[in-house]
Amino acid sequence: MPVTRLFAKSLRARAMRGLAAAIPVIGTLALVPATADALTVTVAFPDSVTVGQAGLTAHLTMTNTNDLSATVCNAGECNSQGIILVPSCGAADGAGTCKTPDLGVFSFASSATIPLGSCGGLATGFTVAVDDPVQGTLALTPVGGAVVLGPAQTATATCDISLSFGVLKQPALDVDPTAGVQTFQSASARARIQQASGATVLESGAGRDVTTVLPTPVVVPPPVVPPPVVPPPVVAPLAC
């Protein structure tokens, strides 16, 4: 394990012990700063799409890798913007955070679906709405109840959200030197975990993907075939 990760875990363990000791005295809820250890967020678009296509599917998946259940924070909860998706991005950092949005490449349905009974069993789906038109972010908000991810390695540890989208145009920014025009997608979320000590740990996750956007195929009309040439009728000479 890298030294930096050992050091981060050591700091986190000491913070947890101090908070646990303070709770009976002050009688308030303790919040441990967010880490990136227990919540994994991934986004998956098709490898390639074509301008003009519709009814395509992308996935945003959140997975809990902690031994305790994790509740995903909605916008305004635990200093979170909620579940955020940037569908087209011209530049992203190593953590998957979009730095340069590339607007207007995709359009999305206003609702997203999940497998029945998943994502904790309370949520029945998600609304999809523009969160920040300047940054090109979309907010995914659960319908019916909070998203509660079960402990790691259980059937309820993952929430897989399916989004329907169409392709409006090619990106203005190409993020990859390979053939075609590529664009990044990035997603992020935060979850809270209630420890046995009473402390609440905040866990953040972010991920990214890349997809190639192909132009609309140029349809070449077939060549025009001229009508066949019909020779004039042969007129027999008149007999004298």
Protein backbone atom coordinates (compact mmCIF):
# COMPACT_ATOMS: atom_id res chain seq x y z
CA MET A 1 0.00 0.00 0.00
CA PRO A 2 1.44 3.43 -0.89
CA VAL A 3 2.80 5.50 1.97
CA THR A 4 0.41 8.37 1.26
CA ARG A 5 -2.57 6.02 1.55
CA LEU A 6 -1.24 4.57 4.82
CA PHE A 7 -0.77 8.08 6.16
CA ALA A 8 -4.30 9.11 5.08
CA LYS A 9 -5.77 6.03 6.74
CA SER A 10 -3.79 6.72 9.92
CA LEU A 11 -5.06 10.30 10.07
CA ARG A 12 -8.58 9.13 9.43
CA ALA A 13 -8.36 6.49 12.18
CA ARG A 14 -7.07 9.03 14.70
CA ALA A 15 -9.80 11.50 13.73
CA MET A 16 -12.42 8.79 14.19
CA ARG A 17 -11.12 7.88 17.66
CA GLY A 18 -11.10 11.52 18.75
CA LEU A 19 -14.59 12.13 17.45
CA ALA A 20 -15.93 8.98 19.08
CA ALA A 21 -14.58 10.13 22.45
CA ALA A 22 -16.08 13.60 22.04
CA ILE A 23 -19.60 12.53 21.15
CA PRO A 24 -20.80 11.57 24.65
CA VAL A 25 -19.53 14.92 25.97
CA ILE A 26 -20.96 17.32 23.40
CA GLY A 27 -23.97 15.22 22.40
CA THR A 28 -23.88 16.34 18.75
CA LEU A 29 -23.40 14.61 15.40
CA ALA A 30 -19.75 14.44 14.32
CA LEU A 31 -18.81 14.68 10.65
CA VAL A 32 -15.53 13.25 9.41
CA PRO A 33 -14.20 14.94 6.23
CA ALA A 34 -14.89 13.22 2.94
CA THR A 35 -12.49 10.61 1.61
CA ALA A 36 -12.43 8.54 -1.56
CA ASP A 37 -12.17 5.09 0.03
CA ALA A 38 -15.68 3.70 0.21
CA LEU A 39 -17.73 5.11 -2.69
CA THR A 40 -16.87 4.18 -6.26
CA VAL A 41 -18.56 6.11 -9.07
CA THR A 42 -18.28 5.06 -12.71
CA VAL A 43 -19.85 6.38 -15.90
CA ALA A 44 -20.08 4.30 -19.08
CA PHE A 45 -21.11 5.56 -22.52
CA PRO A 46 -20.99 3.54 -25.76
CA ASP A 47 -17.50 3.36 -27.26
CA SER A 48 -18.71 5.27 -30.31
CA VAL A 49 -21.89 7.07 -31.31
CA THR A 50 -23.05 8.89 -34.44
CA VAL A 51 -24.60 12.33 -34.78
CA GLY A 52 -28.34 11.90 -35.24
CA GLN A 53 -28.66 8.71 -33.21
CA ALA A 54 -31.35 8.57 -30.51
CA GLY A 55 -32.47 6.10 -27.86
CA LEU A 56 -28.91 5.26 -26.78
CA THR A 57 -28.13 4.15 -23.21
CA ALA A 58 -25.45 5.34 -20.79
CA HIS A 59 -24.86 4.10 -17.24
CA LEU A 60 -23.89 5.88 -14.03
CA THR A 61 -23.03 3.38 -11.31
CA MET A 62 -22.35 3.93 -7.60
CA THR A 63 -20.83 1.13 -5.51
CA ASN A 64 -20.27 0.99 -1.76
CA THR A 65 -17.01 -0.71 -0.76
CA ASN A 66 -17.48 -0.12 2.99
CA ASP A 67 -18.59 -2.80 5.45
CA LEU A 68 -21.47 -0.54 6.54
CA SER A 69 -24.43 0.79 4.52
CA ALA A 70 -23.98 4.14 2.79
CA THR A 71 -26.68 6.72 2.04
CA VAL A 72 -26.03 8.76 -1.10
CA CYS A 73 -26.36 12.50 -0.44
CA ASN A 74 -28.87 14.50 -2.46
CA ALA A 75 -28.20 18.11 -3.44
CA GLY A 76 -27.90 20.26 -0.32
CA GLU A 77 -27.16 17.32 1.96
CA CYS A 78 -23.72 16.80 3.56
CA ASN A 79 -22.20 19.64 1.50
CA SER A 80 -23.00 17.79 -1.71
CA GLN A 81 -24.27 18.87 -5.13
CA GLY A 82 -25.95 15.49 -5.38
CA ILE A 83 -25.32 12.98 -8.15
CA ILE A 84 -23.71 14.98 -10.95
CA LEU A 85 -23.00 14.02 -14.56
CA VAL A 86 -21.05 16.01 -17.13
CA PRO A 87 -21.90 14.25 -20.42
CA SER A 88 -19.40 16.03 -22.66
CA CYS A 89 -16.13 17.49 -21.45
CA GLY A 90 -13.10 18.85 -23.27
CA ALA A 91 -10.67 18.34 -20.38
CA ALA A 92 -10.81 16.44 -17.08
CA ASP A 93 -8.35 15.98 -14.23
CA GLY A 94 -7.05 12.67 -12.95
CA ALA A 95 -9.94 12.34 -10.51
CA GLY A 96 -12.47 12.62 -13.34
CA THR A 97 -13.59 16.18 -12.58
CA CYS A 98 -14.48 18.13 -15.71
CA LYS A 99 -12.45 21.30 -16.20
CA THR A 100 -13.67 22.38 -19.67
CA PRO A 101 -17.28 21.49 -20.58
CA ASP A 102 -18.19 20.92 -24.24
CA LEU A 103 -21.84 21.95 -24.42
CA GLY A 104 -24.71 20.75 -26.58
CA VAL A 105 -23.26 17.45 -27.79
CA PHE A 106 -25.92 15.18 -26.25
CA SER A 107 -29.56 15.41 -25.22
CA PHE A 108 -31.05 13.35 -22.39
CA ALA A 109 -34.46 12.04 -21.39
CA SER A 110 -35.88 13.75 -18.31
CA SER A 111 -35.98 10.49 -16.35
CA ALA A 112 -33.59 7.59 -15.77
CA THR A 113 -34.35 4.02 -14.80
CA ILE A 114 -32.96 1.46 -12.35
CA PRO A 115 -33.58 -2.26 -11.89
CA LEU A 116 -36.65 -2.90 -9.76
CA GLY A 117 -35.82 -3.00 -6.07
CA SER A 118 -32.24 -1.81 -6.48
CA CYS A 119 -30.50 1.28 -5.07
CA GLY A 120 -31.79 0.51 -1.59
CA GLY A 121 -35.35 -0.34 -2.54
CA LEU A 122 -36.82 3.10 -1.81
CA ALA A 123 -35.93 4.90 -5.04
CA THR A 124 -38.00 3.92 -8.07
CA GLY A 125 -36.03 5.94 -10.62
CA PHE A 126 -34.32 9.29 -11.11
CA THR A 127 -35.15 12.65 -12.59
CA VAL A 128 -32.53 14.13 -14.92
CA ALA A 129 -32.31 17.92 -15.06
CA VAL A 130 -29.80 20.60 -15.97
CA ASP A 131 -27.89 21.58 -12.85
CA ASP A 132 -25.62 24.28 -14.33
CA PRO A 133 -26.08 25.27 -17.99
CA VAL A 134 -22.71 27.07 -18.06
CA GLN A 135 -20.80 24.02 -16.81
CA GLY A 136 -23.01 21.57 -18.69
CA THR A 137 -23.80 19.52 -15.59
CA LEU A 138 -26.83 17.30 -15.11
CA ALA A 139 -28.30 16.46 -11.69
CA LEU A 140 -29.77 13.01 -11.03
CA THR A 141 -32.30 13.05 -8.20
CA PRO A 142 -33.89 9.87 -6.82
CA VAL A 143 -37.68 9.54 -6.95
CA GLY A 144 -39.47 7.80 -4.10
CA GLY A 145 -36.74 7.86 -1.46
CA ALA A 146 -33.05 8.04 -0.73
CA VAL A 147 -30.45 5.80 -2.33
CA VAL A 148 -29.06 3.47 0.34
CA LEU A 149 -26.20 1.25 -0.75
CA GLY A 150 -25.77 -1.98 1.19
CA PRO A 151 -22.45 -3.16 2.63
CA ALA A 152 -19.66 -4.12 0.26
CA GLN A 153 -19.98 -7.38 -1.68
CA THR A 154 -23.73 -7.61 -1.10
CA ALA A 155 -26.44 -7.61 -3.74
CA THR A 156 -27.53 -4.11 -2.70
CA ALA A 157 -24.07 -2.49 -2.68
CA THR A 158 -24.46 -1.10 -6.21
CA CYS A 159 -26.89 1.35 -7.82
CA ASP A 160 -26.85 1.21 -11.63
CA ILE A 161 -28.68 4.12 -13.30
CA SER A 162 -29.60 3.86 -17.00
CA LEU A 163 -29.90 7.11 -18.94
CA SER A 164 -31.43 7.45 -22.40
CA PHE A 165 -29.73 9.97 -24.69
CA GLY A 166 -29.33 11.19 -28.25
CA VAL A 167 -26.45 12.72 -30.19
CA LEU A 168 -26.93 16.29 -31.42
CA LYS A 169 -23.52 17.20 -32.83
CA GLN A 170 -19.81 16.43 -32.74
CA PRO A 171 -17.79 17.89 -29.85
CA ALA A 172 -15.94 21.15 -30.47
CA LEU A 173 -12.95 19.81 -28.50
CA ASP A 174 -11.17 16.55 -29.30
CA VAL A 175 -9.71 14.99 -26.14
CA ASP A 176 -7.82 12.14 -27.82
CA PRO A 177 -5.32 12.12 -30.71
CA THR A 178 -6.66 8.85 -32.12
CA ALA A 179 -8.92 8.82 -35.16
CA GLY A 180 -12.29 10.52 -34.78
CA VAL A 181 -13.48 13.12 -32.29
CA GLN A 182 -13.59 12.00 -28.66
CA THR A 183 -15.16 13.59 -25.58
CA PHE A 184 -14.94 12.85 -21.86
CA GLN A 185 -17.84 12.10 -19.52
CA SER A 186 -17.43 12.62 -15.78
CA ALA A 187 -19.64 11.76 -12.81
CA SER A 188 -19.44 12.36 -9.08
CA ALA A 189 -21.41 11.69 -5.90
CA ARG A 190 -21.04 11.68 -2.12
CA ALA A 191 -22.38 9.33 0.54
CA ARG A 192 -22.61 9.31 4.31
CA ILE A 193 -21.86 6.30 6.49
CA GLN A 194 -23.09 6.07 10.06
CA GLN A 195 -20.39 4.49 12.21
CA ALA A 196 -21.14 2.39 15.30
CA SER A 197 -19.48 5.15 17.34
CA GLY A 198 -22.13 7.60 16.18
CA ALA A 199 -19.80 9.53 13.88
CA THR A 200 -20.86 10.11 10.28
CA VAL A 201 -18.16 9.60 7.67
CA LEU A 202 -18.54 11.31 4.29
CA GLU A 203 -17.23 9.43 1.26
CA SER A 204 -16.82 10.95 -2.21
CA GLY A 205 -16.39 9.20 -5.54
CA ALA A 206 -15.79 10.34 -9.11
CA GLY A 207 -15.12 8.66 -12.44
CA ARG A 208 -14.90 9.33 -16.14
CA ASP A 209 -15.26 7.70 -19.53
CA VAL A 210 -14.53 8.67 -23.14
CA THR A 211 -16.56 8.12 -26.28
CA THR A 212 -16.01 8.76 -29.98
CA VAL A 213 -18.63 10.89 -31.74
CA LEU A 214 -18.84 10.19 -35.46
CA PRO A 215 -20.38 12.62 -37.98
CA THR A 216 -23.63 11.90 -39.74
CA PRO A 217 -22.85 9.58 -42.65
CA VAL A 218 -22.93 11.26 -46.04
CA VAL A 219 -25.50 9.49 -48.15
CA VAL A 220 -24.40 9.41 -51.80
CA PRO A 221 -27.40 9.03 -54.08
CA PRO A 222 -27.14 6.28 -56.66
CA PRO A 223 -26.23 7.39 -60.19
CA VAL A 224 -29.09 8.24 -62.47
CA VAL A 225 -29.47 5.57 -65.12
CA PRO A 226 -30.64 7.06 -68.43
CA PRO A 227 -33.60 5.39 -70.06
CA PRO A 228 -32.79 2.90 -72.77
CA VAL A 229 -32.54 4.27 -76.32
CA VAL A 230 -35.33 2.89 -78.48
CA PRO A 231 -34.37 2.88 -82.17
CA PRO A 232 -36.97 4.28 -84.58
CA PRO A 233 -39.15 1.74 -86.33
CA VAL A 234 -37.95 0.44 -89.67
CA VAL A 235 -40.29 1.43 -92.51
CA ALA A 236 -40.34 -1.00 -95.44
CA PRO A 237 -40.01 0.64 -98.88
CA LEU A 238 -43.16 0.82 -100.97
CA ALA A 239 -43.32 -1.60 -103.90
CA CYS A 240 -43.71 -0.01 -107.38
